[in-house]
Amino acid sequence: MANTGQTRLKVIDALDHPHGGRILRLRLLDGPAPTVRALRGATLSATGPRGQERRLRVLGFPVTGGKVSDGRIRESGRIDLHIEEEGDGVPVDLTWVIQPD
């Protein structure tokens, strides 16, 4: 996949958070690795495999994936996010593509 300069992440695992929201495990597809500062509280756009679209808000970083740092995101290309989906619609799930707004 060509690097477009725009950060794109793919959902490789998704589950409901016990206290609300969802946990998404993401893998970097294209573009520069996002920073923790840029992701904290960010609004993201999600596109499903059938063209569905959702808006997401980052609530935090679950510690199940270990301590979050910019270096870890750059090296592994993976990050776990605790998110809240805005509005009604199909929940974000495997193979969805996420982009920062």
C-alpha atoms as a PDB file:
ATOM      1  CA  MET A   1       0.000   0.000   0.000  1.00  0.00           C
ATOM      2  CA  ALA A   2       1.417   3.390  -0.956  1.00  0.00           C
ATOM      3  CA  ASN A   3       2.232   5.883   1.759  1.00  0.00           C
ATOM      4  CA  THR A   4      -0.140   8.807   1.287  1.00  0.00           C
ATOM      5  CA  GLY A   5       1.332  10.858   4.151  1.00  0.00           C
ATOM      6  CA  GLN A   6      -1.987  10.517   6.010  1.00  0.00           C
ATOM      7  CA  THR A   7      -1.941   8.285   9.082  1.00  0.00           C
ATOM      8  CA  ARG A   8      -4.206   5.263   8.625  1.00  0.00           C
ATOM      9  CA  LEU A   9      -4.691   2.498  11.188  1.00  0.00           C
ATOM     10  CA  LYS A  10      -6.478  -0.839  10.791  1.00  0.00           C
ATOM     11  CA  VAL A  11      -8.565  -2.425  13.549  1.00  0.00           C
ATOM     12  CA  ILE A  12      -7.088  -5.861  14.329  1.00  0.00           C
ATOM     13  CA  ASP A  13      -9.176  -6.513  17.454  1.00  0.00           C
ATOM     14  CA  ALA A  14     -12.260  -4.877  18.982  1.00  0.00           C
ATOM     15  CA  LEU A  15     -14.188  -5.560  22.168  1.00  0.00           C
ATOM     16  CA  ASP A  16     -16.636  -3.874  24.503  1.00  0.00           C
ATOM     17  CA  HIS A  17     -15.121  -2.140  27.525  1.00  0.00           C
ATOM     18  CA  PRO A  18     -16.771  -3.259  30.797  1.00  0.00           C
ATOM     19  CA  HIS A  19     -17.359   0.359  31.899  1.00  0.00           C
ATOM     20  CA  GLY A  20     -18.586   1.727  28.553  1.00  0.00           C
ATOM     21  CA  GLY A  21     -17.077   2.378  25.174  1.00  0.00           C
ATOM     22  CA  ARG A  22     -14.924  -0.056  23.226  1.00  0.00           C
ATOM     23  CA  ILE A  23     -11.298  -1.106  23.156  1.00  0.00           C
ATOM     24  CA  LEU A  24      -9.693  -1.131  19.728  1.00  0.00           C
ATOM     25  CA  ARG A  25      -6.332  -2.717  18.971  1.00  0.00           C
ATOM     26  CA  LEU A  26      -4.909  -0.917  15.954  1.00  0.00           C
ATOM     27  CA  ARG A  27      -2.039  -1.534  13.524  1.00  0.00           C
ATOM     28  CA  LEU A  28      -0.412   1.258  11.498  1.00  0.00           C
ATOM     29  CA  LEU A  29      -1.147   0.901   7.766  1.00  0.00           C
ATOM     30  CA  ASP A  30       0.155   4.137   6.231  1.00  0.00           C
ATOM     31  CA  GLY A  31       1.705   7.425   7.157  1.00  0.00           C
ATOM     32  CA  PRO A  32       3.612   8.545  10.215  1.00  0.00           C
ATOM     33  CA  ALA A  33       3.022   6.896  13.577  1.00  0.00           C
ATOM     34  CA  PRO A  34       0.673   9.038  15.693  1.00  0.00           C
ATOM     35  CA  THR A  35       1.923  10.439  18.983  1.00  0.00           C
ATOM     36  CA  VAL A  36       0.304   9.809  22.347  1.00  0.00           C
ATOM     37  CA  ARG A  37      -0.293  13.548  22.693  1.00  0.00           C
ATOM     38  CA  ALA A  38      -2.066  13.722  19.307  1.00  0.00           C
ATOM     39  CA  LEU A  39      -4.290  10.731  20.149  1.00  0.00           C
ATOM     40  CA  ARG A  40      -5.301  11.721  23.700  1.00  0.00           C
ATOM     41  CA  GLY A  41      -8.863  13.094  23.459  1.00  0.00           C
ATOM     42  CA  ALA A  42      -8.725  13.089  19.642  1.00  0.00           C
ATOM     43  CA  THR A  43     -11.669  12.655  17.324  1.00  0.00           C
ATOM     44  CA  LEU A  44     -11.154   9.940  14.705  1.00  0.00           C
ATOM     45  CA  SER A  45     -12.987   8.836  11.572  1.00  0.00           C
ATOM     46  CA  ALA A  46     -13.654   5.143  10.998  1.00  0.00           C
ATOM     47  CA  THR A  47     -14.588   3.523   7.685  1.00  0.00           C
ATOM     48  CA  GLY A  48     -15.945  -0.020   7.545  1.00  0.00           C
ATOM     49  CA  PRO A  49     -15.339  -2.656   4.870  1.00  0.00           C
ATOM     50  CA  ARG A  50     -18.753  -1.916   3.318  1.00  0.00           C
ATOM     51  CA  GLY A  51     -18.321   1.854   3.347  1.00  0.00           C
ATOM     52  CA  GLN A  52     -19.978   2.492   6.732  1.00  0.00           C
ATOM     53  CA  GLU A  53     -18.656   5.570   8.526  1.00  0.00           C
ATOM     54  CA  ARG A  54     -18.427   6.404  12.242  1.00  0.00           C
ATOM     55  CA  ARG A  55     -16.844   9.124  14.348  1.00  0.00           C
ATOM     56  CA  LEU A  56     -14.909   8.118  17.450  1.00  0.00           C
ATOM     57  CA  ARG A  57     -13.530   9.945  20.466  1.00  0.00           C
ATOM     58  CA  VAL A  58     -10.451   8.630  22.260  1.00  0.00           C
ATOM     59  CA  LEU A  59     -11.148   8.244  25.983  1.00  0.00           C
ATOM     60  CA  GLY A  60      -7.764   6.822  26.924  1.00  0.00           C
ATOM     61  CA  PHE A  61      -5.279   3.998  26.597  1.00  0.00           C
ATOM     62  CA  PRO A  62      -5.987   0.607  28.205  1.00  0.00           C
ATOM     63  CA  VAL A  63      -3.002  -0.729  30.112  1.00  0.00           C
ATOM     64  CA  THR A  64      -3.568  -4.294  28.879  1.00  0.00           C
ATOM     65  CA  GLY A  65      -1.196  -3.563  25.992  1.00  0.00           C
ATOM     66  CA  GLY A  66       1.522  -2.184  28.272  1.00  0.00           C
ATOM     67  CA  LYS A  67       2.669   1.383  28.909  1.00  0.00           C
ATOM     68  CA  VAL A  68       1.888   3.619  25.960  1.00  0.00           C
ATOM     69  CA  SER A  69       4.716   5.742  24.554  1.00  0.00           C
ATOM     70  CA  ASP A  70       5.592   7.381  21.250  1.00  0.00           C
ATOM     71  CA  GLY A  71       8.609   5.088  20.886  1.00  0.00           C
ATOM     72  CA  ARG A  72       6.547   1.973  21.429  1.00  0.00           C
ATOM     73  CA  ILE A  73       3.986   3.060  18.817  1.00  0.00           C
ATOM     74  CA  ARG A  74       6.788   3.816  16.296  1.00  0.00           C
ATOM     75  CA  GLU A  75       8.617   0.529  16.926  1.00  0.00           C
ATOM     76  CA  SER A  76       5.652  -1.855  17.056  1.00  0.00           C
ATOM     77  CA  GLY A  77       3.225   0.013  14.790  1.00  0.00           C
ATOM     78  CA  ARG A  78       0.435  -0.955  17.208  1.00  0.00           C
ATOM     79  CA  ILE A  79      -1.673   0.823  19.795  1.00  0.00           C
ATOM     80  CA  ASP A  80      -4.704   0.048  21.947  1.00  0.00           C
ATOM     81  CA  LEU A  81      -7.346   2.761  22.366  1.00  0.00           C
ATOM     82  CA  HIS A  82     -10.370   3.069  24.641  1.00  0.00           C
ATOM     83  CA  ILE A  83     -12.912   4.860  22.447  1.00  0.00           C
ATOM     84  CA  GLU A  84     -16.468   6.123  22.496  1.00  0.00           C
ATOM     85  CA  GLU A  85     -18.486   5.917  19.275  1.00  0.00           C
ATOM     86  CA  GLU A  86     -20.546   9.017  18.470  1.00  0.00           C
ATOM     87  CA  GLY A  87     -24.158   8.569  17.383  1.00  0.00           C
ATOM     88  CA  ASP A  88     -25.924   5.348  16.474  1.00  0.00           C
ATOM     89  CA  GLY A  89     -24.746   2.832  13.939  1.00  0.00           C
ATOM     90  CA  VAL A  90     -22.801  -0.339  13.391  1.00  0.00           C
ATOM     91  CA  PRO A  91     -20.044  -0.776  16.019  1.00  0.00           C
ATOM     92  CA  VAL A  92     -16.473  -0.416  14.792  1.00  0.00           C
ATOM     93  CA  ASP A  93     -15.051  -3.906  14.361  1.00  0.00           C
ATOM     94  CA  LEU A  94     -12.284  -5.898  12.657  1.00  0.00           C
ATOM     95  CA  THR A  95     -10.890  -4.582   9.344  1.00  0.00           C
ATOM     96  CA  TRP A  96     -12.241  -1.044   9.811  1.00  0.00           C
ATOM     97  CA  VAL A  97      -9.768   1.720   8.906  1.00  0.00           C
ATOM     98  CA  ILE A  98      -9.227   4.612  11.328  1.00  0.00           C
ATOM     99  CA  GLN A  99      -7.906   8.085  10.470  1.00  0.00           C
ATOM    100  CA  PRO A 100      -7.337  11.148  12.651  1.00  0.00           C
ATOM    101  CA  ASP A 101      -9.533  14.152  11.784  1.00  0.00           C
END
